[in-house]
Amino acid sequence: MNVILIGLGGASGNILNNIAEDSPNDFNYLYINTDKKSIEDSQIENKLHVDVKEDIDIKDSFKDITDSILNHVKENDKVFVIAGLGGVTGSALLSHLGKLLKDNNCSFVGIVTKPFNYEGKARMEIANKSLDEAKPFYDKIEIFNNQSMFQYAEKETTFTQAFKEMDIRIKTYIENEI
């Protein structure tokens, strides 16, 4: 079975990089972001830049890459859309990518991370709003709360190690869904 992991935004780029480092040949990967530097720094081979200009909305810019997304998806049996919510790219594009995939009869699952409590109420509201907007397009969305990292981290666990542990949990979830 061919499986592609599509990451939307910076948080998902980190997740994809960690999964790809651990399992470079287990999945196909596509990284989508508005941040050109993040795309350049990513080890993921297949990347798409959403070129947002001052006078153009991110959702309109997304339309420019839909054909490329579908070209990457067509050779895969299952698609996992990964997005960190609360910021810009993942939150803004989660529902639009879901609609695109649903309209093209793709088999796909959403995986999202929600902000830490300390990131504030505004980021959590953005995350919840984007999740509500995306739900109609996804058969299933699995939510990983960043705050839960504190439950399984030891006192000596670094922030980087905690994120890698979360990424392992996400990878395990994907493997169990295939």
C-alpha atoms as a PDB file:
ATOM      1  CA  MET A   1       0.000   0.000   0.000  1.00  0.00           C
ATOM      2  CA  ASN A   2       1.343   3.415  -0.970  1.00  0.00           C
ATOM      3  CA  VAL A   3       0.811   6.051   1.697  1.00  0.00           C
ATOM      4  CA  ILE A   4       1.575   9.759   1.516  1.00  0.00           C
ATOM      5  CA  LEU A   5       1.949  12.081   4.482  1.00  0.00           C
ATOM      6  CA  ILE A   6       1.118  15.687   3.617  1.00  0.00           C
ATOM      7  CA  GLY A   7       2.296  18.301   6.081  1.00  0.00           C
ATOM      8  CA  LEU A   8       0.715  21.747   6.245  1.00  0.00           C
ATOM      9  CA  GLY A   9       2.800  24.455   7.900  1.00  0.00           C
ATOM     10  CA  GLY A  10       5.851  24.646  10.115  1.00  0.00           C
ATOM     11  CA  ALA A  11       4.794  22.291  12.907  1.00  0.00           C
ATOM     12  CA  SER A  12       3.960  19.554  10.417  1.00  0.00           C
ATOM     13  CA  GLY A  13       7.286  20.117   8.678  1.00  0.00           C
ATOM     14  CA  ASN A  14       9.050  19.203  11.901  1.00  0.00           C
ATOM     15  CA  ILE A  15       6.822  16.141  12.287  1.00  0.00           C
ATOM     16  CA  LEU A  16       7.497  15.020   8.703  1.00  0.00           C
ATOM     17  CA  ASN A  17      11.245  15.520   9.126  1.00  0.00           C
ATOM     18  CA  ASN A  18      11.293  13.383  12.276  1.00  0.00           C
ATOM     19  CA  ILE A  19       9.169  10.611  10.742  1.00  0.00           C
ATOM     20  CA  ALA A  20      11.223  10.649   7.522  1.00  0.00           C
ATOM     21  CA  GLU A  21      14.457  10.474   9.508  1.00  0.00           C
ATOM     22  CA  ASP A  22      13.132   7.404  11.303  1.00  0.00           C
ATOM     23  CA  SER A  23      11.344   5.823   8.303  1.00  0.00           C
ATOM     24  CA  PRO A  24      12.602   7.328   5.034  1.00  0.00           C
ATOM     25  CA  ASN A  25      11.118   4.623   2.804  1.00  0.00           C
ATOM     26  CA  ASP A  26       7.921   3.726   4.660  1.00  0.00           C
ATOM     27  CA  PHE A  27       5.897   6.635   3.295  1.00  0.00           C
ATOM     28  CA  ASN A  28       5.795   9.216   0.543  1.00  0.00           C
ATOM     29  CA  TYR A  29       6.037  12.782   1.792  1.00  0.00           C
ATOM     30  CA  LEU A  30       4.791  16.188   0.675  1.00  0.00           C
ATOM     31  CA  TYR A  31       5.501  19.344   2.646  1.00  0.00           C
ATOM     32  CA  ILE A  32       3.407  22.490   2.032  1.00  0.00           C
ATOM     33  CA  ASN A  33       4.178  25.819   3.655  1.00  0.00           C
ATOM     34  CA  THR A  34       4.019  29.578   3.190  1.00  0.00           C
ATOM     35  CA  ASP A  35       7.473  29.981   4.752  1.00  0.00           C
ATOM     36  CA  LYS A  36      10.071  29.613   2.006  1.00  0.00           C
ATOM     37  CA  LYS A  37      12.972  29.249   4.477  1.00  0.00           C
ATOM     38  CA  SER A  38      11.221  26.406   6.273  1.00  0.00           C
ATOM     39  CA  ILE A  39      10.700  24.649   2.949  1.00  0.00           C
ATOM     40  CA  GLU A  40      14.347  25.107   1.969  1.00  0.00           C
ATOM     41  CA  ASP A  41      15.540  23.773   5.338  1.00  0.00           C
ATOM     42  CA  SER A  42      13.295  20.700   5.250  1.00  0.00           C
ATOM     43  CA  GLN A  43      14.807  17.318   4.397  1.00  0.00           C
ATOM     44  CA  ILE A  44      11.549  16.336   2.687  1.00  0.00           C
ATOM     45  CA  GLU A  45      12.137  15.953  -1.046  1.00  0.00           C
ATOM     46  CA  ASN A  46       8.670  16.940  -2.307  1.00  0.00           C
ATOM     47  CA  LYS A  47       7.748  20.457  -1.235  1.00  0.00           C
ATOM     48  CA  LEU A  48       5.265  23.071  -2.363  1.00  0.00           C
ATOM     49  CA  HIS A  49       5.422  26.748  -1.512  1.00  0.00           C
ATOM     50  CA  VAL A  50       2.144  28.610  -1.045  1.00  0.00           C
ATOM     51  CA  ASP A  51       3.211  32.003  -2.334  1.00  0.00           C
ATOM     52  CA  VAL A  52       1.193  34.473  -0.300  1.00  0.00           C
ATOM     53  CA  LYS A  53       1.377  38.054  -1.460  1.00  0.00           C
ATOM     54  CA  GLU A  54       0.142  41.081   0.472  1.00  0.00           C
ATOM     55  CA  ASP A  55      -2.954  41.506  -1.676  1.00  0.00           C
ATOM     56  CA  ILE A  56      -3.790  37.794  -2.017  1.00  0.00           C
ATOM     57  CA  ASP A  57      -5.390  35.627   0.643  1.00  0.00           C
ATOM     58  CA  ILE A  58      -3.616  32.382   1.618  1.00  0.00           C
ATOM     59  CA  LYS A  59      -6.649  30.369   0.513  1.00  0.00           C
ATOM     60  CA  ASP A  60      -6.508  31.926  -2.954  1.00  0.00           C
ATOM     61  CA  SER A  61      -2.769  31.248  -3.181  1.00  0.00           C
ATOM     62  CA  PHE A  62      -3.478  27.614  -2.269  1.00  0.00           C
ATOM     63  CA  LYS A  63      -5.493  27.244  -5.483  1.00  0.00           C
ATOM     64  CA  ASP A  64      -2.260  27.720  -7.450  1.00  0.00           C
ATOM     65  CA  ILE A  65      -0.825  24.447  -6.113  1.00  0.00           C
ATOM     66  CA  THR A  66      -3.885  22.170  -6.165  1.00  0.00           C
ATOM     67  CA  ASP A  67      -2.892  20.418  -9.413  1.00  0.00           C
ATOM     68  CA  SER A  68       0.557  19.700  -7.995  1.00  0.00           C
ATOM     69  CA  ILE A  69      -0.980  18.300  -4.812  1.00  0.00           C
ATOM     70  CA  LEU A  70      -3.260  16.000  -6.792  1.00  0.00           C
ATOM     71  CA  ASN A  71      -0.299  14.798  -8.880  1.00  0.00           C
ATOM     72  CA  HIS A  72       1.498  13.774  -5.684  1.00  0.00           C
ATOM     73  CA  VAL A  73      -1.599  12.132  -4.235  1.00  0.00           C
ATOM     74  CA  LYS A  74      -2.727  10.124  -7.276  1.00  0.00           C
ATOM     75  CA  GLU A  75      -0.115   7.359  -6.893  1.00  0.00           C
ATOM     76  CA  ASN A  76      -1.082   6.717  -3.261  1.00  0.00           C
ATOM     77  CA  ASP A  77      -3.755   4.524  -1.742  1.00  0.00           C
ATOM     78  CA  LYS A  78      -4.086   6.503   1.481  1.00  0.00           C
ATOM     79  CA  VAL A  79      -3.387  10.106   2.461  1.00  0.00           C
ATOM     80  CA  PHE A  80      -2.653  11.467   5.913  1.00  0.00           C
ATOM     81  CA  VAL A  81      -2.917  15.241   6.279  1.00  0.00           C
ATOM     82  CA  ILE A  82      -0.851  16.538   9.197  1.00  0.00           C
ATOM     83  CA  ALA A  83      -1.257  20.084  10.511  1.00  0.00           C
ATOM     84  CA  GLY A  84      -0.258  22.009  13.584  1.00  0.00           C
ATOM     85  CA  LEU A  85      -3.175  24.233  14.496  1.00  0.00           C
ATOM     86  CA  GLY A  86      -3.156  27.692  16.013  1.00  0.00           C
ATOM     87  CA  GLY A  87      -0.746  29.317  13.578  1.00  0.00           C
ATOM     88  CA  VAL A  88      -1.205  30.394   9.979  1.00  0.00           C
ATOM     89  CA  THR A  89      -0.639  27.748   7.307  1.00  0.00           C
ATOM     90  CA  GLY A  90      -1.955  24.570   8.948  1.00  0.00           C
ATOM     91  CA  SER A  91      -4.977  26.338  10.399  1.00  0.00           C
ATOM     92  CA  ALA A  92      -5.835  28.203   7.199  1.00  0.00           C
ATOM     93  CA  LEU A  93      -5.396  25.314   4.767  1.00  0.00           C
ATOM     94  CA  LEU A  94      -6.662  22.251   6.670  1.00  0.00           C
ATOM     95  CA  SER A  95     -10.248  22.607   5.444  1.00  0.00           C
ATOM     96  CA  HIS A  96      -9.224  23.580   1.893  1.00  0.00           C
ATOM     97  CA  LEU A  97      -6.985  20.547   1.479  1.00  0.00           C
ATOM     98  CA  GLY A  98      -9.732  18.359   2.944  1.00  0.00           C
ATOM     99  CA  LYS A  99     -12.238  19.707   0.425  1.00  0.00           C
ATOM    100  CA  LEU A 100      -9.780  19.179  -2.448  1.00  0.00           C
ATOM    101  CA  LEU A 101      -9.133  15.572  -1.423  1.00  0.00           C
ATOM    102  CA  LYS A 102     -12.804  14.821  -0.787  1.00  0.00           C
ATOM    103  CA  ASP A 103     -13.826  16.322  -4.143  1.00  0.00           C
ATOM    104  CA  ASN A 104     -11.273  14.020  -5.808  1.00  0.00           C
ATOM    105  CA  ASN A 105     -12.447  10.871  -3.971  1.00  0.00           C
ATOM    106  CA  CYS A 106      -9.210  10.337  -2.051  1.00  0.00           C
ATOM    107  CA  SER A 107      -9.004   8.125   1.023  1.00  0.00           C
ATOM    108  CA  PHE A 108      -7.607  10.395   3.727  1.00  0.00           C
ATOM    109  CA  VAL A 109      -7.341  11.037   7.447  1.00  0.00           C
ATOM    110  CA  GLY A 110      -6.495  14.256   9.265  1.00  0.00           C
ATOM    111  CA  ILE A 111      -3.969  14.414  12.082  1.00  0.00           C
ATOM    112  CA  VAL A 112      -3.688  17.685  13.970  1.00  0.00           C
ATOM    113  CA  THR A 113      -1.759  19.017  16.918  1.00  0.00           C
ATOM    114  CA  LYS A 114      -3.284  21.642  19.164  1.00  0.00           C
ATOM    115  CA  PRO A 115      -1.315  24.376  20.963  1.00  0.00           C
ATOM    116  CA  PHE A 116       0.146  24.264  24.450  1.00  0.00           C
ATOM    117  CA  ASN A 117      -1.906  26.064  27.109  1.00  0.00           C
ATOM    118  CA  TYR A 118       0.861  28.625  27.565  1.00  0.00           C
ATOM    119  CA  GLU A 119       0.536  29.678  23.897  1.00  0.00           C
ATOM    120  CA  GLY A 120      -2.618  31.516  24.858  1.00  0.00           C
ATOM    121  CA  LYS A 121      -6.325  31.609  24.283  1.00  0.00           C
ATOM    122  CA  ALA A 122      -6.098  33.275  20.853  1.00  0.00           C
ATOM    123  CA  ARG A 123      -4.036  30.417  19.336  1.00  0.00           C
ATOM    124  CA  MET A 124      -6.405  27.845  20.850  1.00  0.00           C
ATOM    125  CA  GLU A 125      -9.403  29.701  19.390  1.00  0.00           C
ATOM    126  CA  ILE A 126      -7.748  29.684  15.946  1.00  0.00           C
ATOM    127  CA  ALA A 127      -7.062  25.955  16.335  1.00  0.00           C
ATOM    128  CA  ASN A 128     -10.637  25.163  17.379  1.00  0.00           C
ATOM    129  CA  LYS A 129     -12.135  27.298  14.608  1.00  0.00           C
ATOM    130  CA  SER A 130     -10.011  25.664  11.903  1.00  0.00           C
ATOM    131  CA  LEU A 131     -10.832  22.220  13.282  1.00  0.00           C
ATOM    132  CA  ASP A 132     -14.568  22.999  13.175  1.00  0.00           C
ATOM    133  CA  GLU A 133     -14.244  24.259   9.585  1.00  0.00           C
ATOM    134  CA  ALA A 134     -12.345  21.130   8.511  1.00  0.00           C
ATOM    135  CA  LYS A 135     -14.540  18.463  10.139  1.00  0.00           C
ATOM    136  CA  PRO A 136     -17.163  18.335   7.345  1.00  0.00           C
ATOM    137  CA  PHE A 137     -14.492  17.320   4.825  1.00  0.00           C
ATOM    138  CA  TYR A 138     -12.719  14.635   6.846  1.00  0.00           C
ATOM    139  CA  ASP A 139     -14.093  11.217   7.734  1.00  0.00           C
ATOM    140  CA  LYS A 140     -11.734  11.198  10.677  1.00  0.00           C
ATOM    141  CA  ILE A 141      -9.473  13.712  12.397  1.00  0.00           C
ATOM    142  CA  GLU A 142      -7.149  12.521  15.148  1.00  0.00           C
ATOM    143  CA  ILE A 143      -6.162  15.213  17.632  1.00  0.00           C
ATOM    144  CA  PHE A 144      -2.850  15.269  19.473  1.00  0.00           C
ATOM    145  CA  ASN A 145      -2.665  17.931  22.167  1.00  0.00           C
ATOM    146  CA  ASN A 146       0.796  19.394  22.665  1.00  0.00           C
ATOM    147  CA  GLN A 147      -0.091  19.870  26.323  1.00  0.00           C
ATOM    148  CA  SER A 148      -0.226  16.072  26.721  1.00  0.00           C
ATOM    149  CA  MET A 149       3.548  15.915  26.191  1.00  0.00           C
ATOM    150  CA  PHE A 150       3.956  16.946  29.816  1.00  0.00           C
ATOM    151  CA  GLN A 151       2.121  13.780  30.900  1.00  0.00           C
ATOM    152  CA  TYR A 152       4.664  11.358  29.469  1.00  0.00           C
ATOM    153  CA  ALA A 153       7.829  13.451  29.683  1.00  0.00           C
ATOM    154  CA  GLU A 154      10.274  12.812  32.490  1.00  0.00           C
ATOM    155  CA  LYS A 155      11.773  15.677  34.443  1.00  0.00           C
ATOM    156  CA  GLU A 156      15.026  15.298  32.465  1.00  0.00           C
ATOM    157  CA  THR A 157      13.262  15.169  29.078  1.00  0.00           C
ATOM    158  CA  THR A 158      14.225  18.067  26.833  1.00  0.00           C
ATOM    159  CA  PHE A 159      11.670  19.925  24.756  1.00  0.00           C
ATOM    160  CA  THR A 160      13.201  18.453  21.587  1.00  0.00           C
ATOM    161  CA  GLN A 161      12.962  14.928  22.997  1.00  0.00           C
ATOM    162  CA  ALA A 162       9.331  15.510  23.995  1.00  0.00           C
ATOM    163  CA  PHE A 163       8.445  16.623  20.462  1.00  0.00           C
ATOM    164  CA  LYS A 164      10.217  13.584  18.992  1.00  0.00           C
ATOM    165  CA  GLU A 165       8.198  11.365  21.338  1.00  0.00           C
ATOM    166  CA  MET A 166       4.998  13.041  20.107  1.00  0.00           C
ATOM    167  CA  ASP A 167       6.109  12.446  16.517  1.00  0.00           C
ATOM    168  CA  ILE A 168       6.671   8.758  17.312  1.00  0.00           C
ATOM    169  CA  ARG A 169       3.126   8.613  18.688  1.00  0.00           C
ATOM    170  CA  ILE A 170       1.823  10.191  15.479  1.00  0.00           C
ATOM    171  CA  LYS A 171       3.806   7.720  13.349  1.00  0.00           C
ATOM    172  CA  THR A 172       2.472   4.804  15.414  1.00  0.00           C
ATOM    173  CA  TYR A 173      -1.067   6.113  14.929  1.00  0.00           C
ATOM    174  CA  ILE A 174      -0.507   6.235  11.153  1.00  0.00           C
ATOM    175  CA  GLU A 175       0.899   2.703  11.084  1.00  0.00           C
ATOM    176  CA  ASN A 176      -2.132   1.440  13.005  1.00  0.00           C
ATOM    177  CA  GLU A 177      -4.507   3.160  10.565  1.00  0.00           C
ATOM    178  CA  ILE A 178      -2.985   1.590   7.450  1.00  0.00           C
END
